[in-house]
Amino acid sequence: MGKYRRDRINDAVKEEMAQIIRDTKDPRIAGALVSITAAQVSGDLKFAKIYFSVLGGDKAEVLKGLKSASGFFRSELAKRINLRITPELFFEYDGSAEYGANISSILKTLDIKDDDDEQA
């Protein structure tokens, strides 16, 4: 399968999973702000890694909720995306947003002076 097609499938899976998770009523998932950051579908379309980030909730509880509802997510994904094979979903926490916020807070604490301030 070509890279272009796989990228389109990855984007479609990411968008649909974000919508499906937004509509989920599981209190472990609905109680936190869960966002899908990426999706990676294997070349044979049998497996998909779904990367997520959590804001305002326990990531371990959200991961348990996502794993327990993976069958529901897969059936909803099959209804929304027309693929020959609906991939089996695996969820993985993506800490890049948390890492970026940490770097941002470190940069804000630095005392950096502008060149104009030094010349005056």
C-alpha atoms as a PDB file:
ATOM      1  CA  MET A   1       0.000   0.000   0.000  1.00  0.00           C
ATOM      2  CA  GLY A   2       1.330   3.437  -0.886  1.00  0.00           C
ATOM      3  CA  LYS A   3       2.379   5.969   1.720  1.00  0.00           C
ATOM      4  CA  TYR A   4      -0.151   8.509   0.462  1.00  0.00           C
ATOM      5  CA  ARG A   5      -3.060   6.092   0.927  1.00  0.00           C
ATOM      6  CA  ARG A   6      -1.883   5.045   4.381  1.00  0.00           C
ATOM      7  CA  ASP A   7      -1.588   8.708   5.422  1.00  0.00           C
ATOM      8  CA  ARG A   8      -5.157   9.341   4.259  1.00  0.00           C
ATOM      9  CA  ILE A   9      -6.384   6.309   6.203  1.00  0.00           C
ATOM     10  CA  ASN A  10      -4.456   7.438   9.301  1.00  0.00           C
ATOM     11  CA  ASP A  11      -6.053  10.890   9.102  1.00  0.00           C
ATOM     12  CA  ALA A  12      -9.531   9.440   8.588  1.00  0.00           C
ATOM     13  CA  VAL A  13      -9.140   7.058  11.541  1.00  0.00           C
ATOM     14  CA  LYS A  14      -7.852   9.900  13.737  1.00  0.00           C
ATOM     15  CA  GLU A  15     -10.773  12.195  12.869  1.00  0.00           C
ATOM     16  CA  GLU A  16     -13.435   9.515  13.320  1.00  0.00           C
ATOM     17  CA  MET A  17     -11.949   8.237  16.585  1.00  0.00           C
ATOM     18  CA  ALA A  18     -11.945  11.782  17.960  1.00  0.00           C
ATOM     19  CA  GLN A  19     -15.639  12.073  17.131  1.00  0.00           C
ATOM     20  CA  ILE A  20     -16.484   8.629  18.532  1.00  0.00           C
ATOM     21  CA  ILE A  21     -14.654   9.307  21.807  1.00  0.00           C
ATOM     22  CA  ARG A  22     -16.380  12.674  22.122  1.00  0.00           C
ATOM     23  CA  ASP A  23     -19.751  10.875  21.981  1.00  0.00           C
ATOM     24  CA  THR A  24     -18.787   8.133  24.468  1.00  0.00           C
ATOM     25  CA  LYS A  25     -20.750   7.954  27.703  1.00  0.00           C
ATOM     26  CA  ASP A  26     -18.229   5.959  29.760  1.00  0.00           C
ATOM     27  CA  PRO A  27     -17.565   8.062  32.921  1.00  0.00           C
ATOM     28  CA  ARG A  28     -13.848   7.250  32.843  1.00  0.00           C
ATOM     29  CA  ILE A  29     -13.584   8.789  29.381  1.00  0.00           C
ATOM     30  CA  ALA A  30     -16.307  11.437  29.497  1.00  0.00           C
ATOM     31  CA  GLY A  31     -15.021  12.826  32.816  1.00  0.00           C
ATOM     32  CA  ALA A  32     -11.726  13.939  31.255  1.00  0.00           C
ATOM     33  CA  LEU A  33     -10.857  15.887  28.157  1.00  0.00           C
ATOM     34  CA  VAL A  34      -9.434  13.217  25.863  1.00  0.00           C
ATOM     35  CA  SER A  35      -7.965  14.206  22.534  1.00  0.00           C
ATOM     36  CA  ILE A  36      -6.658  11.948  19.812  1.00  0.00           C
ATOM     37  CA  THR A  37      -3.227  13.148  18.715  1.00  0.00           C
ATOM     38  CA  ALA A  38      -2.416  10.560  16.042  1.00  0.00           C
ATOM     39  CA  ALA A  39      -3.383   7.240  14.511  1.00  0.00           C
ATOM     40  CA  GLN A  40      -1.030   4.746  12.925  1.00  0.00           C
ATOM     41  CA  VAL A  41      -2.566   1.960  10.870  1.00  0.00           C
ATOM     42  CA  SER A  42      -0.422  -1.010   9.882  1.00  0.00           C
ATOM     43  CA  GLY A  43       0.232  -1.741   6.215  1.00  0.00           C
ATOM     44  CA  ASP A  44      -2.196  -4.672   6.116  1.00  0.00           C
ATOM     45  CA  LEU A  45      -4.918  -2.635   7.933  1.00  0.00           C
ATOM     46  CA  LYS A  46      -5.243  -5.230  10.696  1.00  0.00           C
ATOM     47  CA  PHE A  47      -3.938  -3.103  13.572  1.00  0.00           C
ATOM     48  CA  ALA A  48      -4.111   0.566  14.515  1.00  0.00           C
ATOM     49  CA  LYS A  49      -2.310   2.423  17.295  1.00  0.00           C
ATOM     50  CA  ILE A  50      -4.342   5.335  18.565  1.00  0.00           C
ATOM     51  CA  TYR A  51      -2.326   7.967  20.435  1.00  0.00           C
ATOM     52  CA  PHE A  52      -4.250  10.086  22.945  1.00  0.00           C
ATOM     53  CA  SER A  53      -3.620  12.823  25.488  1.00  0.00           C
ATOM     54  CA  VAL A  54      -5.628  13.611  28.608  1.00  0.00           C
ATOM     55  CA  LEU A  55      -6.358  16.944  30.226  1.00  0.00           C
ATOM     56  CA  GLY A  56      -8.077  17.055  33.596  1.00  0.00           C
ATOM     57  CA  GLY A  57      -8.217  13.363  34.352  1.00  0.00           C
ATOM     58  CA  ASP A  58      -6.256  10.301  35.355  1.00  0.00           C
ATOM     59  CA  LYS A  59      -4.510   8.852  32.316  1.00  0.00           C
ATOM     60  CA  ALA A  60      -4.474   5.317  33.768  1.00  0.00           C
ATOM     61  CA  GLU A  61      -8.253   5.352  34.282  1.00  0.00           C
ATOM     62  CA  VAL A  62      -8.834   6.812  30.826  1.00  0.00           C
ATOM     63  CA  LEU A  63      -6.616   4.111  29.309  1.00  0.00           C
ATOM     64  CA  LYS A  64      -8.635   1.414  31.116  1.00  0.00           C
ATOM     65  CA  GLY A  65     -11.850   2.961  29.791  1.00  0.00           C
ATOM     66  CA  LEU A  66     -10.511   3.124  26.244  1.00  0.00           C
ATOM     67  CA  LYS A  67      -9.318  -0.483  26.339  1.00  0.00           C
ATOM     68  CA  SER A  68     -12.618  -1.743  27.707  1.00  0.00           C
ATOM     69  CA  ALA A  69     -14.585   0.125  25.035  1.00  0.00           C
ATOM     70  CA  SER A  70     -12.278  -0.805  22.145  1.00  0.00           C
ATOM     71  CA  GLY A  71     -14.806  -3.273  20.710  1.00  0.00           C
ATOM     72  CA  PHE A  72     -17.455  -0.558  20.613  1.00  0.00           C
ATOM     73  CA  PHE A  73     -14.977   1.869  19.038  1.00  0.00           C
ATOM     74  CA  ARG A  74     -14.046  -0.683  16.396  1.00  0.00           C
ATOM     75  CA  SER A  75     -17.676  -1.346  15.450  1.00  0.00           C
ATOM     76  CA  GLU A  76     -18.411   2.391  15.249  1.00  0.00           C
ATOM     77  CA  LEU A  77     -15.291   2.909  13.148  1.00  0.00           C
ATOM     78  CA  ALA A  78     -16.451   0.149  10.787  1.00  0.00           C
ATOM     79  CA  LYS A  79     -19.794   1.939  10.339  1.00  0.00           C
ATOM     80  CA  ARG A  80     -18.146   5.297   9.619  1.00  0.00           C
ATOM     81  CA  ILE A  81     -15.139   4.350   7.461  1.00  0.00           C
ATOM     82  CA  ASN A  82     -15.483   2.028   4.500  1.00  0.00           C
ATOM     83  CA  LEU A  83     -12.428  -0.236   4.741  1.00  0.00           C
ATOM     84  CA  ARG A  84     -12.072  -3.841   3.683  1.00  0.00           C
ATOM     85  CA  ILE A  85     -10.745  -4.716   7.137  1.00  0.00           C
ATOM     86  CA  THR A  86     -11.514  -2.722  10.259  1.00  0.00           C
ATOM     87  CA  PRO A  87      -8.298  -2.579  12.295  1.00  0.00           C
ATOM     88  CA  GLU A  88      -7.979  -3.835  15.844  1.00  0.00           C
ATOM     89  CA  LEU A  89      -7.421  -0.797  18.068  1.00  0.00           C
ATOM     90  CA  PHE A  90      -4.574  -0.354  20.539  1.00  0.00           C
ATOM     91  CA  PHE A  91      -4.373   2.784  22.659  1.00  0.00           C
ATOM     92  CA  GLU A  92      -1.158   4.468  23.745  1.00  0.00           C
ATOM     93  CA  TYR A  93      -0.700   7.585  25.872  1.00  0.00           C
ATOM     94  CA  ASP A  94       1.018  10.507  24.115  1.00  0.00           C
ATOM     95  CA  GLY A  95       2.841  12.736  26.578  1.00  0.00           C
ATOM     96  CA  SER A  96       4.033  15.284  24.028  1.00  0.00           C
ATOM     97  CA  ALA A  97       1.475  17.938  25.058  1.00  0.00           C
ATOM     98  CA  GLU A  98       2.482  17.541  28.694  1.00  0.00           C
ATOM     99  CA  TYR A  99       6.147  17.735  27.698  1.00  0.00           C
ATOM    100  CA  GLY A 100       5.525  20.882  25.658  1.00  0.00           C
ATOM    101  CA  ALA A 101       3.707  22.554  28.571  1.00  0.00           C
ATOM    102  CA  ASN A 102       6.634  21.696  30.846  1.00  0.00           C
ATOM    103  CA  ILE A 103       9.147  23.223  28.401  1.00  0.00           C
ATOM    104  CA  SER A 104       6.960  26.321  28.076  1.00  0.00           C
ATOM    105  CA  SER A 105       6.824  26.798  31.849  1.00  0.00           C
ATOM    106  CA  ILE A 106      10.614  26.447  32.067  1.00  0.00           C
ATOM    107  CA  LEU A 107      11.093  29.048  29.332  1.00  0.00           C
ATOM    108  CA  LYS A 108       8.777  31.475  31.117  1.00  0.00           C
ATOM    109  CA  THR A 109      10.862  31.286  34.279  1.00  0.00           C
ATOM    110  CA  LEU A 110      14.059  32.310  32.467  1.00  0.00           C
ATOM    111  CA  ASP A 111      15.105  35.950  32.760  1.00  0.00           C
ATOM    112  CA  ILE A 112      16.012  36.854  29.178  1.00  0.00           C
ATOM    113  CA  LYS A 113      16.809  40.479  28.350  1.00  0.00           C
ATOM    114  CA  ASP A 114      16.317  42.011  24.920  1.00  0.00           C
ATOM    115  CA  ASP A 115      19.235  43.553  23.003  1.00  0.00           C
ATOM    116  CA  ASP A 116      17.549  46.968  23.267  1.00  0.00           C
ATOM    117  CA  ASP A 117      17.546  46.734  27.088  1.00  0.00           C
ATOM    118  CA  GLU A 118      21.256  45.921  27.196  1.00  0.00           C
ATOM    119  CA  GLN A 119      22.245  48.883  24.996  1.00  0.00           C
ATOM    120  CA  ALA A 120      20.311  51.435  27.085  1.00  0.00           C
END
